[in-house]
Protein backbone atom coordinates (compact mmCIF):
# COMPACT_ATOMS: atom_id res chain seq x y z
CA UNK A 1 26.65 -78.56 -36.24
CA UNK A 2 26.51 -81.00 -39.17
CA UNK A 3 28.79 -84.03 -39.48
CA UNK A 4 30.85 -82.33 -42.18
CA UNK A 5 31.22 -79.19 -40.05
CA UNK A 6 32.31 -81.35 -37.12
CA UNK A 7 34.94 -83.05 -39.26
CA UNK A 8 36.36 -79.62 -40.08
CA UNK A 9 36.42 -78.54 -36.43
CA UNK A 10 38.09 -81.79 -35.32
CA UNK A 11 40.74 -81.76 -38.03
CA UNK A 12 44.31 -81.54 -36.81
CA UNK A 13 43.31 -81.94 -33.16
CA UNK A 14 43.88 -84.29 -30.25
CA UNK A 15 41.67 -84.73 -27.16
CA UNK A 16 43.93 -83.89 -24.20
CA UNK A 17 42.92 -83.02 -20.65
CA UNK A 18 39.24 -82.79 -21.51
CA UNK A 19 39.42 -80.50 -24.52
CA UNK A 20 40.33 -80.38 -28.18
CA UNK A 21 43.92 -79.28 -28.59
CA UNK A 22 45.32 -78.26 -31.97
CA UNK A 23 48.24 -80.47 -32.91
CA UNK A 24 51.62 -78.89 -33.46
CA UNK A 25 53.10 -81.43 -35.88
CA UNK A 26 53.59 -80.39 -39.51
CA UNK A 27 52.82 -84.00 -40.53
CA UNK A 28 49.23 -84.11 -41.81
CA UNK A 29 47.02 -86.76 -43.44
CA UNK A 30 43.99 -86.14 -45.61
CA UNK A 31 40.82 -87.95 -44.51
CA UNK A 32 38.79 -89.21 -47.49
CA UNK A 33 35.23 -90.49 -47.63
CA UNK A 34 35.69 -94.04 -49.01
CA UNK A 35 32.37 -93.89 -50.87
CA UNK A 36 33.06 -90.63 -52.69
CA UNK A 37 36.85 -90.13 -52.38
CA UNK A 38 36.12 -86.56 -51.26
CA UNK A 39 38.31 -84.95 -48.62
CA UNK A 40 36.39 -84.48 -45.36
CA UNK A 41 39.20 -83.46 -42.99
CA UNK A 42 42.76 -84.00 -41.91
CA UNK A 43 44.80 -85.58 -39.10
CA UNK A 44 48.17 -84.82 -37.62
CA UNK A 45 50.74 -86.95 -35.79
CA UNK A 46 51.02 -86.32 -32.07
CA UNK A 47 54.48 -85.02 -31.25
CA UNK A 48 56.70 -86.48 -28.54
CA UNK A 49 55.88 -83.47 -26.37
CA UNK A 50 52.14 -84.05 -26.80
CA UNK A 51 52.55 -87.75 -25.98
CA UNK A 52 54.49 -86.91 -22.81
CA UNK A 53 51.92 -84.28 -21.86
CA UNK A 54 48.99 -86.66 -22.23
CA UNK A 55 50.73 -89.42 -20.26
CA UNK A 56 51.58 -87.07 -17.41
CA UNK A 57 47.99 -85.82 -17.25
CA UNK A 58 46.64 -89.39 -17.40
CA UNK A 59 48.73 -90.53 -14.45
CA UNK A 60 47.44 -87.69 -12.30
CA UNK A 61 43.84 -88.24 -13.39
CA UNK A 62 44.12 -91.96 -12.66
CA UNK A 63 45.15 -91.36 -9.06
CA UNK A 64 42.15 -89.09 -8.57
CA UNK A 65 39.74 -91.52 -10.25
CA UNK A 66 41.02 -94.50 -8.27
CA UNK A 67 40.02 -92.78 -5.03
CA UNK A 68 36.36 -92.65 -6.11
CA UNK A 69 33.97 -95.34 -4.90
CA UNK A 70 32.57 -98.08 -7.12
CA UNK A 71 29.00 -96.75 -6.99
CA UNK A 72 30.09 -93.33 -8.25
CA UNK A 73 32.04 -94.96 -11.06
CA UNK A 74 29.04 -97.07 -12.04
CA UNK A 75 26.69 -94.09 -12.08
CA UNK A 76 29.14 -92.06 -14.16
CA UNK A 77 29.53 -94.91 -16.66
CA UNK A 78 25.76 -95.30 -17.01
CA UNK A 79 25.56 -91.60 -17.86
CA UNK A 80 28.15 -92.14 -20.59
CA UNK A 81 26.08 -95.01 -22.04
CA UNK A 82 22.99 -92.79 -22.04
CA UNK A 83 24.93 -90.00 -23.81
CA UNK A 84 26.16 -92.45 -26.45
CA UNK A 85 22.57 -93.55 -27.10
CA UNK A 86 21.39 -89.94 -27.40
CA UNK A 87 24.05 -89.20 -30.02
CA UNK A 88 23.79 -92.42 -32.03
CA UNK A 89 22.46 -90.74 -35.19
CA UNK A 90 25.40 -88.33 -35.26
CA UNK A 91 28.01 -90.98 -34.47
CA UNK A 92 26.51 -93.30 -37.09
CA UNK A 93 26.59 -90.65 -39.82
CA UNK A 94 30.16 -89.63 -39.00
CA UNK A 95 31.37 -93.22 -38.92
CA UNK A 96 29.69 -94.02 -42.23
CA UNK A 97 31.21 -90.96 -43.89
CA UNK A 98 34.68 -91.71 -42.51
CA UNK A 99 34.90 -95.51 -42.88
CA UNK A 100 32.18 -96.42 -45.40
CA UNK A 101 30.11 -99.00 -43.53
CA UNK A 102 26.34 -98.73 -43.91
CA UNK A 103 24.44 -96.36 -41.65
CA UNK A 104 22.64 -99.30 -40.03
CA UNK A 105 25.95 -101.01 -39.24
CA UNK A 106 27.30 -97.76 -37.80
CA UNK A 107 24.16 -97.16 -35.74
CA UNK A 108 24.32 -100.73 -34.45
CA UNK A 109 27.96 -100.23 -33.49
CA UNK A 110 27.09 -97.16 -31.42
CA UNK A 111 24.32 -99.17 -29.74
CA UNK A 112 26.67 -102.05 -28.92
CA UNK A 113 29.13 -99.52 -27.50
CA UNK A 114 26.50 -98.27 -25.06
CA UNK A 115 25.52 -101.78 -23.92
CA UNK A 116 29.17 -102.61 -23.21
CA UNK A 117 29.53 -99.50 -21.06
CA UNK A 118 26.36 -100.36 -19.13
CA UNK A 119 27.54 -103.95 -18.63
CA UNK A 120 30.91 -102.97 -17.19
CA UNK A 121 29.36 -100.21 -15.09
CA UNK A 122 27.68 -102.93 -13.03
CA UNK A 123 30.34 -105.63 -13.29
CA UNK A 124 32.98 -103.21 -12.04
CA UNK A 125 31.29 -102.94 -8.63
CA UNK A 126 30.26 -106.58 -8.39
CA UNK A 127 33.48 -107.69 -6.68
CA UNK A 128 36.98 -106.35 -6.10
CA UNK A 129 38.45 -109.44 -4.47
CA UNK A 130 37.52 -112.39 -2.28
CA UNK A 131 38.08 -113.86 1.16
CA UNK A 132 40.14 -117.04 1.44
CA UNK A 133 40.16 -119.51 4.29
CA UNK A 134 43.20 -118.73 6.49
CA UNK A 135 46.10 -121.14 7.01
CA UNK A 136 46.73 -119.99 10.59
CA UNK A 137 44.19 -119.73 13.40
CA UNK A 138 42.89 -116.21 13.96
CA UNK A 139 44.21 -114.75 10.72
CA UNK A 140 42.24 -113.06 7.95
CA UNK A 141 43.24 -113.72 4.32
CA UNK A 142 41.79 -111.86 1.35
CA UNK A 143 42.61 -110.69 -2.17
CA UNK A 144 42.12 -107.26 -3.71
CA UNK A 145 41.73 -106.15 -7.32
CA UNK A 146 43.58 -102.94 -8.16
CA UNK A 147 44.06 -100.87 -11.34
CA UNK A 148 47.14 -101.09 -13.51
CA UNK A 149 47.50 -97.33 -14.04
CA UNK A 150 47.46 -95.80 -17.52
CA UNK A 151 46.17 -98.09 -20.27
CA UNK A 152 46.96 -97.51 -23.95
CA UNK A 153 44.32 -98.59 -26.49
CA UNK A 154 45.56 -98.97 -30.07
CA UNK A 155 42.43 -99.47 -32.14
CA UNK A 156 41.61 -100.71 -35.67
CA UNK A 157 39.40 -99.04 -38.26
CA UNK A 158 36.70 -101.67 -38.66
CA UNK A 159 34.90 -101.34 -35.28
CA UNK A 160 36.52 -98.29 -33.71
CA UNK A 161 33.71 -97.30 -31.33
CA UNK A 162 32.67 -100.75 -30.20
CA UNK A 163 36.19 -101.95 -29.47
CA UNK A 164 36.97 -98.65 -27.75
CA UNK A 165 34.09 -99.26 -25.36
CA UNK A 166 34.80 -102.96 -24.82
CA UNK A 167 38.25 -102.02 -23.60
CA UNK A 168 37.87 -98.52 -22.16
CA UNK A 169 34.78 -99.36 -20.11
CA UNK A 170 36.52 -102.34 -18.49
CA UNK A 171 39.69 -100.33 -17.89
CA UNK A 172 37.84 -97.37 -16.40
CA UNK A 173 35.63 -99.27 -13.98
CA UNK A 174 38.78 -101.00 -12.76
CA UNK A 175 40.21 -97.58 -11.85
CA UNK A 176 42.55 -96.95 -14.78
CA UNK A 177 43.04 -93.95 -17.05
CA UNK A 178 42.94 -94.49 -20.82
CA UNK A 179 44.87 -93.03 -23.77
CA UNK A 180 43.47 -93.97 -27.18
CA UNK A 181 45.46 -94.12 -30.41
CA UNK A 182 42.76 -94.62 -33.06
CA UNK A 183 43.26 -95.83 -36.60
CA UNK A 184 44.21 -93.09 -39.03
CA UNK A 185 41.02 -94.05 -40.92
CA UNK A 186 38.62 -93.37 -38.01
CA UNK A 187 40.28 -90.69 -35.91
CA UNK A 188 37.81 -87.85 -36.51
CA UNK A 189 34.78 -89.87 -35.44
CA UNK A 190 36.75 -91.10 -32.42
CA UNK A 191 37.58 -87.52 -31.40
CA UNK A 192 33.87 -86.69 -31.41
CA UNK A 193 32.77 -89.94 -29.78
CA UNK A 194 35.21 -89.73 -26.86
CA UNK A 195 33.63 -86.45 -25.74
CA UNK A 196 30.78 -88.56 -24.36
CA UNK A 197 33.27 -89.55 -21.62
CA UNK A 198 33.94 -85.93 -20.59
CA UNK A 199 31.79 -86.24 -17.48
CA UNK A 200 34.37 -88.53 -15.89
CA UNK A 201 36.71 -85.57 -15.41
CA UNK A 202 39.64 -84.06 -17.25
CA UNK A 203 42.46 -86.27 -18.42
CA UNK A 204 40.92 -89.65 -17.66
CA UNK A 205 40.19 -90.47 -21.32
CA UNK A 206 42.38 -88.89 -24.00
CA UNK A 207 42.95 -89.35 -27.73
CA UNK A 208 46.21 -88.90 -29.63
CA UNK A 209 46.00 -89.21 -33.40
CA UNK A 210 48.71 -90.26 -35.81
CA UNK A 211 50.53 -93.21 -37.27
CA UNK A 212 52.72 -96.04 -36.06
CA UNK A 213 55.33 -93.80 -34.44
CA UNK A 214 52.75 -92.36 -32.06
CA UNK A 215 51.71 -95.86 -31.07
CA UNK A 216 55.35 -96.85 -30.52
CA UNK A 217 55.93 -93.92 -28.19
CA UNK A 218 52.90 -94.86 -26.11
CA UNK A 219 53.92 -98.52 -25.97
CA UNK A 220 57.54 -97.81 -25.00
CA UNK A 221 56.86 -95.09 -22.45
CA UNK A 222 57.79 -96.02 -18.88
CA UNK A 223 54.67 -94.35 -17.48
CA UNK A 224 52.10 -96.37 -19.42
CA UNK A 225 51.23 -99.65 -17.75
CA UNK A 226 49.28 -101.76 -20.22
CA UNK A 227 48.70 -101.92 -23.97
CA UNK A 228 45.52 -103.26 -25.57
CA UNK A 229 46.02 -103.70 -29.31
CA UNK A 230 43.73 -104.86 -32.12
CA UNK A 231 45.20 -105.19 -35.60
CA UNK A 232 47.60 -107.23 -37.72
CA UNK A 233 49.82 -110.10 -36.63
CA UNK A 234 53.17 -108.44 -37.25
CA UNK A 235 52.30 -105.28 -35.35
CA UNK A 236 50.82 -107.36 -32.53
CA UNK A 237 53.98 -109.43 -32.34
CA UNK A 238 56.13 -106.29 -32.21
CA UNK A 239 54.03 -104.82 -29.39
CA UNK A 240 54.17 -108.09 -27.46
CA UNK A 241 57.97 -108.09 -27.70
CA UNK A 242 58.24 -104.47 -26.58
CA UNK A 243 55.94 -105.00 -23.63
CA UNK A 244 57.57 -108.28 -22.61
CA UNK A 245 60.89 -106.48 -22.22
CA UNK A 246 59.22 -104.05 -19.81
CA UNK A 247 57.01 -106.64 -18.08
CA UNK A 248 54.06 -104.55 -19.26
CA UNK A 249 50.63 -106.19 -19.45
CA UNK A 250 49.13 -106.71 -22.92
CA UNK A 251 45.80 -107.61 -24.48
CA UNK A 252 46.35 -108.48 -28.13
CA UNK A 253 43.81 -109.45 -30.77
CA UNK A 254 45.27 -109.89 -34.22
CA UNK A 255 43.97 -111.50 -37.37
CA UNK A 256 41.44 -114.22 -38.10
CA UNK A 257 40.59 -116.57 -40.94
CA UNK A 258 37.46 -118.15 -39.56
CA UNK A 259 36.05 -121.43 -40.90
CA UNK A 260 32.36 -121.99 -41.68
CA UNK A 261 31.20 -125.61 -41.87
CA UNK A 262 27.93 -126.77 -43.47
CA UNK A 263 26.68 -130.31 -42.83
CA UNK A 264 23.85 -132.20 -44.60
CA UNK A 265 21.37 -131.78 -41.73
CA UNK A 266 21.53 -127.98 -41.95
CA UNK A 267 18.62 -125.99 -43.40
CA UNK A 268 20.47 -125.00 -46.56
CA UNK A 269 18.86 -121.65 -47.34
CA UNK A 270 19.25 -120.49 -43.73
CA UNK A 271 22.88 -121.65 -43.76
CA UNK A 272 23.47 -119.74 -47.01
CA UNK A 273 21.91 -116.58 -45.57
CA UNK A 274 24.08 -116.97 -42.47
CA UNK A 275 27.10 -117.44 -44.71
CA UNK A 276 26.32 -114.29 -46.70
CA UNK A 277 26.06 -112.31 -43.48
CA UNK A 278 29.24 -113.85 -42.09
CA UNK A 279 31.21 -113.13 -45.27
CA UNK A 280 29.90 -109.72 -46.33
CA UNK A 281 29.07 -107.84 -43.10
CA UNK A 282 30.99 -104.54 -43.14
CA UNK A 283 32.26 -105.47 -46.61
CA UNK A 284 34.04 -108.46 -45.05
CA UNK A 285 36.12 -106.21 -42.79
CA UNK A 286 35.41 -108.09 -39.57
CA UNK A 287 38.14 -109.88 -37.65
CA UNK A 288 35.72 -112.76 -37.07
CA UNK A 289 34.34 -112.82 -40.65
CA UNK A 290 33.54 -116.19 -42.16
CA UNK A 291 36.46 -116.45 -44.58
CA UNK A 292 36.75 -120.12 -45.60
CA UNK A 293 33.81 -122.43 -46.17
CA UNK A 294 33.88 -126.23 -45.84
CA UNK A 295 30.66 -127.67 -47.23
CA UNK A 296 29.73 -131.36 -47.20
CA UNK A 297 29.60 -132.86 -50.68
CA UNK A 298 25.99 -134.01 -50.16
CA UNK A 299 24.77 -130.40 -50.02
CA UNK A 300 27.59 -128.57 -51.78
CA UNK A 301 25.77 -127.77 -55.03
CA UNK A 302 22.59 -126.65 -53.27
CA UNK A 303 24.52 -124.47 -50.84
CA UNK A 304 26.59 -122.84 -53.62
CA UNK A 305 23.43 -122.09 -55.61
CA UNK A 306 21.73 -120.44 -52.61
CA UNK A 307 24.80 -118.46 -51.53
CA UNK A 308 25.27 -117.12 -55.06
CA UNK A 309 21.63 -116.06 -55.01
CA UNK A 310 21.97 -114.22 -51.70
CA UNK A 311 25.27 -112.61 -52.73
CA UNK A 312 23.67 -111.24 -55.90
CA UNK A 313 20.83 -109.73 -53.83
CA UNK A 314 23.23 -107.60 -51.75
CA UNK A 315 22.85 -103.93 -52.57
CA UNK A 316 26.24 -102.20 -52.80
CA UNK A 317 26.69 -98.45 -52.57
CA UNK A 318 27.19 -95.40 -50.38
CA UNK A 319 26.45 -96.37 -46.79
CA UNK A 320 24.16 -93.35 -46.39
CA UNK A 321 21.86 -94.78 -49.07
CA UNK A 322 19.51 -97.78 -48.84
CA UNK A 323 22.19 -100.41 -49.29
CA UNK A 324 23.45 -103.58 -47.58
CA UNK A 325 27.20 -103.19 -48.17
CA UNK A 326 29.38 -100.12 -48.42
CA UNK A 327 32.93 -99.77 -49.78
CA UNK A 328 36.17 -101.04 -48.38
CA UNK A 329 37.75 -98.59 -45.96
CA UNK A 330 40.49 -97.20 -48.20
CA UNK A 331 42.12 -97.52 -51.57
CA UNK A 332 44.98 -99.45 -49.95
CA UNK A 333 42.54 -101.90 -48.35
CA UNK A 334 40.86 -102.58 -51.70
CA UNK A 335 44.18 -103.08 -53.47
CA UNK A 336 45.33 -105.53 -50.79
CA UNK A 337 42.04 -107.46 -50.98
CA UNK A 338 42.08 -107.58 -54.78
CA UNK A 339 45.59 -109.06 -54.76
CA UNK A 340 44.34 -111.90 -52.56
CA UNK A 341 41.28 -112.42 -54.77
CA UNK A 342 43.29 -112.46 -58.01
CA UNK A 343 45.79 -114.90 -56.53
CA UNK A 344 42.96 -117.31 -55.73
CA UNK A 345 41.73 -117.10 -59.33
CA UNK A 346 45.27 -117.68 -60.59
CA UNK A 347 45.44 -120.80 -58.43
CA UNK A 348 42.28 -122.24 -60.01
CA UNK A 349 39.32 -120.78 -58.14
CA UNK A 350 36.21 -120.22 -60.25
CA UNK A 351 34.11 -117.09 -59.79
CA UNK A 352 30.52 -118.07 -59.05
CA UNK A 353 29.46 -114.44 -58.81
CA UNK A 354 31.18 -111.08 -58.35
CA UNK A 355 34.94 -111.05 -58.61
CA UNK A 356 35.30 -107.42 -59.58
CA UNK A 357 33.98 -103.94 -58.91
CA UNK A 358 30.29 -103.00 -59.10
CA UNK A 359 29.14 -101.31 -62.29
CA UNK A 360 28.07 -97.70 -62.05
CA UNK A 361 30.20 -96.94 -58.96
CA UNK A 362 33.13 -95.17 -60.57
CA UNK A 363 34.05 -93.26 -57.42
CA UNK A 364 34.77 -94.95 -54.10
CA UNK A 365 36.53 -98.16 -53.09
CA UNK A 366 33.70 -100.60 -53.76
CA UNK A 367 33.97 -104.33 -54.45
CA UNK A 368 31.49 -107.02 -55.46
CA UNK A 369 30.11 -109.56 -53.04
CA UNK A 370 32.03 -112.55 -54.41
CA UNK A 371 31.59 -116.33 -54.26
CA UNK A 372 34.49 -118.60 -55.30
CA UNK A 373 34.07 -122.30 -56.06
CA UNK A 374 36.44 -125.12 -57.09
CA UNK A 375 38.52 -124.21 -54.06
CA UNK A 376 41.36 -126.47 -52.94
CA UNK A 377 42.22 -126.49 -49.26
CA UNK A 378 45.84 -125.63 -50.09
CA UNK A 379 45.06 -122.34 -51.84
CA UNK A 380 46.53 -119.20 -50.30
CA UNK A 381 43.11 -117.66 -49.71
CA UNK A 382 42.28 -120.52 -47.32
CA UNK A 383 45.28 -119.67 -45.15
CA UNK A 384 45.49 -115.86 -45.25
CA UNK A 385 43.07 -113.28 -43.90
CA UNK A 386 41.20 -111.85 -46.90
CA UNK A 387 39.39 -109.10 -44.93
CA UNK A 388 37.13 -108.42 -47.88
CA UNK A 389 33.77 -109.50 -49.36
CA UNK A 390 34.64 -113.00 -50.61
CA UNK A 391 33.38 -116.49 -49.76
CA UNK A 392 35.69 -119.30 -51.01
CA UNK A 393 33.92 -122.69 -50.81
CA UNK A 394 35.75 -125.99 -50.43
CA UNK A 395 33.95 -129.35 -50.79
CA UNK A 396 34.52 -131.93 -48.01
CA UNK A 397 33.48 -135.55 -47.60
CA UNK A 398 32.92 -135.67 -43.84
CA UNK A 399 32.82 -133.78 -40.58
CA UNK A 400 36.24 -135.23 -39.76
CA UNK A 401 37.68 -133.63 -42.89
CA UNK A 402 35.93 -130.32 -42.20
CA UNK A 403 37.27 -130.18 -38.65
CA UNK A 404 40.79 -131.11 -39.71
CA UNK A 405 40.87 -128.43 -42.43
CA UNK A 406 39.33 -125.86 -40.08
CA UNK A 407 42.09 -126.46 -37.54
CA UNK A 408 44.84 -126.44 -40.18
CA UNK A 409 45.48 -122.73 -39.66
CA UNK A 410 47.77 -120.42 -37.76
CA UNK A 411 44.64 -118.52 -36.71
CA UNK A 412 42.10 -119.43 -34.06
CA UNK A 413 39.66 -116.58 -33.52
CA UNK A 414 36.11 -117.75 -34.30
CA UNK A 415 34.41 -120.62 -36.12
CA UNK A 416 30.90 -121.51 -37.30
CA UNK A 417 29.08 -124.75 -38.00
CA UNK A 418 25.59 -125.23 -39.43
CA UNK A 419 24.06 -128.54 -38.41
CA UNK A 420 20.96 -129.80 -36.61
CA UNK A 421 22.76 -132.98 -35.54
CA UNK A 422 23.43 -132.71 -31.81
CA UNK A 423 26.47 -134.99 -31.90
CA UNK A 424 28.04 -132.93 -34.68
CA UNK A 425 27.33 -129.74 -32.72
CA UNK A 426 29.04 -131.10 -29.62
CA UNK A 427 32.03 -132.44 -31.54
CA UNK A 428 32.54 -129.10 -33.26
CA UNK A 429 32.19 -127.23 -29.98
CA UNK A 430 34.98 -129.27 -28.39
CA UNK A 431 37.24 -129.95 -31.36
CA UNK A 432 37.41 -126.61 -33.20
CA UNK A 433 40.61 -124.83 -32.18
CA UNK A 434 39.18 -121.35 -31.73
CA UNK A 435 38.27 -118.89 -29.03
CA UNK A 436 34.61 -118.86 -30.11
CA UNK A 437 32.26 -121.35 -31.76
CA UNK A 438 28.94 -120.33 -33.30
CA UNK A 439 26.49 -123.16 -33.89
CA UNK A 440 23.82 -122.00 -36.38
CA UNK A 441 24.29 -118.37 -35.22
CA UNK A 442 27.28 -116.64 -36.89
CA UNK A 443 29.04 -113.54 -35.54
CA UNK A 444 26.94 -112.90 -32.45
CA UNK A 445 28.58 -111.24 -29.43
CA UNK A 446 27.50 -111.21 -25.79
CA UNK A 447 28.90 -108.60 -23.41
CA UNK A 448 28.82 -111.22 -20.65
CA UNK A 449 30.93 -113.76 -22.58
CA UNK A 450 34.64 -113.62 -23.44
CA UNK A 451 35.70 -112.58 -26.94
CA UNK A 452 39.16 -113.50 -28.21
CA UNK A 453 41.26 -116.07 -30.01
CA UNK A 454 43.93 -118.71 -29.84
CA UNK A 455 47.11 -119.41 -31.80
CA UNK A 456 48.24 -116.29 -33.68
CA UNK A 457 44.84 -114.63 -33.32
CA UNK A 458 45.93 -113.10 -30.05
CA UNK A 459 46.31 -113.27 -26.29
CA UNK A 460 43.76 -112.39 -23.63
CA UNK A 461 40.02 -111.80 -23.77
CA UNK A 462 37.66 -108.88 -24.14
CA UNK A 463 34.16 -108.79 -22.61
CA UNK A 464 32.88 -110.84 -19.71
CA UNK A 465 34.57 -111.09 -16.34
CA UNK A 466 37.72 -112.13 -18.19
CA UNK A 467 37.72 -108.79 -20.01
CA UNK A 468 37.63 -106.89 -16.72
CA UNK A 469 40.45 -108.86 -15.12
CA UNK A 470 42.76 -107.95 -18.01
CA UNK A 471 42.88 -104.45 -16.55
CA UNK A 472 43.41 -105.29 -12.87
CA UNK A 473 46.23 -106.40 -10.60
CA UNK A 474 45.55 -109.05 -7.97
CA UNK A 475 46.94 -108.41 -4.50
CA UNK A 476 46.81 -111.00 -1.70
CA UNK A 477 46.70 -109.89 1.95
CA UNK A 478 47.41 -112.08 5.02
CA UNK A 479 46.49 -110.33 8.28
CA UNK A 480 46.93 -111.30 11.93
CA UNK A 481 44.72 -108.88 13.89
CA UNK A 482 46.30 -109.91 17.19
CA UNK A 483 49.92 -109.56 15.98
CA UNK A 484 50.65 -112.85 17.77
CA UNK A 485 53.95 -114.75 17.81
CA UNK A 486 54.12 -117.41 15.10
CA UNK A 487 56.45 -119.76 16.93
CA UNK A 488 55.47 -122.74 14.81
CA UNK A 489 58.00 -121.49 12.23
CA UNK A 490 59.82 -118.44 13.60
CA UNK A 491 63.36 -118.39 14.98
CA UNK A 492 64.74 -119.98 17.02
CA UNK A 493 63.87 -123.33 15.46
CA UNK A 494 63.08 -126.01 17.99
CA UNK A 495 65.83 -128.53 18.70
CA UNK A 496 63.43 -131.44 18.20
CA UNK A 497 62.90 -130.27 14.58
CA UNK A 498 66.60 -130.57 13.73
CA UNK A 499 67.97 -133.33 11.50
CA UNK A 500 67.84 -136.51 13.56
CA UNK A 501 70.58 -138.50 11.80
CA UNK A 502 74.38 -138.22 11.62
CA UNK A 503 76.07 -135.47 9.60
């Protein structure tokens, strides 16, 4: 079946109890290819009855899954990773048609999804607790790691498969069930992708499509036990408040506005190529995109010249063609981005290159790869997430100034510095207020290392051992095998331990 035929068969469905189930809601959304604006399918909102059905099934499936041993779980997860790899061409084509990113970027995302599943397959059986030295002779003290129950994943459109696997793989190997509420912009591909998990058994991984109301029902339901959310600050804040009132665990990653520092010792052309990748990957729709550039005055002109050159070399077009950058994900996303861009120009930014829409692409939500110069640190674009293909460049006089401006933000997701000076590298590593620092290597991930931010960029971490522990309870056990009397502190208290003075 072709990708377009699959879109038709998935339209209006949810993935419940191991099968596609036609939705019953009359509320439907058209799904449009962002490169052509052609309709490729439709979605429907999950009803309250469908939400309750999926949650009930998930709780039963979780109990069954939690009784399976860690080796079985690991083997089952490795089979999922292998299935994802086998279907990468299909997943990549579907994702490109639904969200617009280039086929290579979509194929890479499917590959990263598989590596995350493989990583957690092994990490999940590495340890489920530890032994502690006892505080009483003859006792045995140990901790256990146990699942939370049913985990809700509310996912964004920009990396829907990768983030699904970062979170679902960790949750599953910990013994949880998962219910996914994908972005309305990537639901059809998600419905196809999640079928790779079918071998785990019915009801363990489910997908409910729809808008914000569906997410709210999942968050507020008494029988869901954790919410992992990736998206905007205001929605993240609302979810955090809801879950706090229920003492429900959360993992929240919201927005970013990552700084990119260039110092005189950096190889300028390499730094400019890294900057172009950091700014324009996935049309700038990356939470950890390089969004504000602080370039030392000694190399500012040379860096601007090279970045403009590399930006002009980026091929823009349909992601199924031989291009480097596809469209923005939707008409609404392009309109939001263009408002931010035009505001920067109103405030005095000069367009070095780009600044508009590519010629010859009359259909689709395309935008130029843009470089802005004459940027003041106080401009709105340096404090708001642009989430589009723009690189605003601010001149600085020193590393101290670059670090201070980098940290002058409500965000703290990632940060990049280009320098070959070891002292500058170490200062940036320690002084940048961010969850991740890339020194001469922008936007890399490592399944074994934690991904996440500080400040208003979120709470908690994905990937690494930290990412697994998000989805587990800790239980401490103190055991006396002999069931002996503990007279050193039991009743009756000894007279000699009473207060020795006068009352």
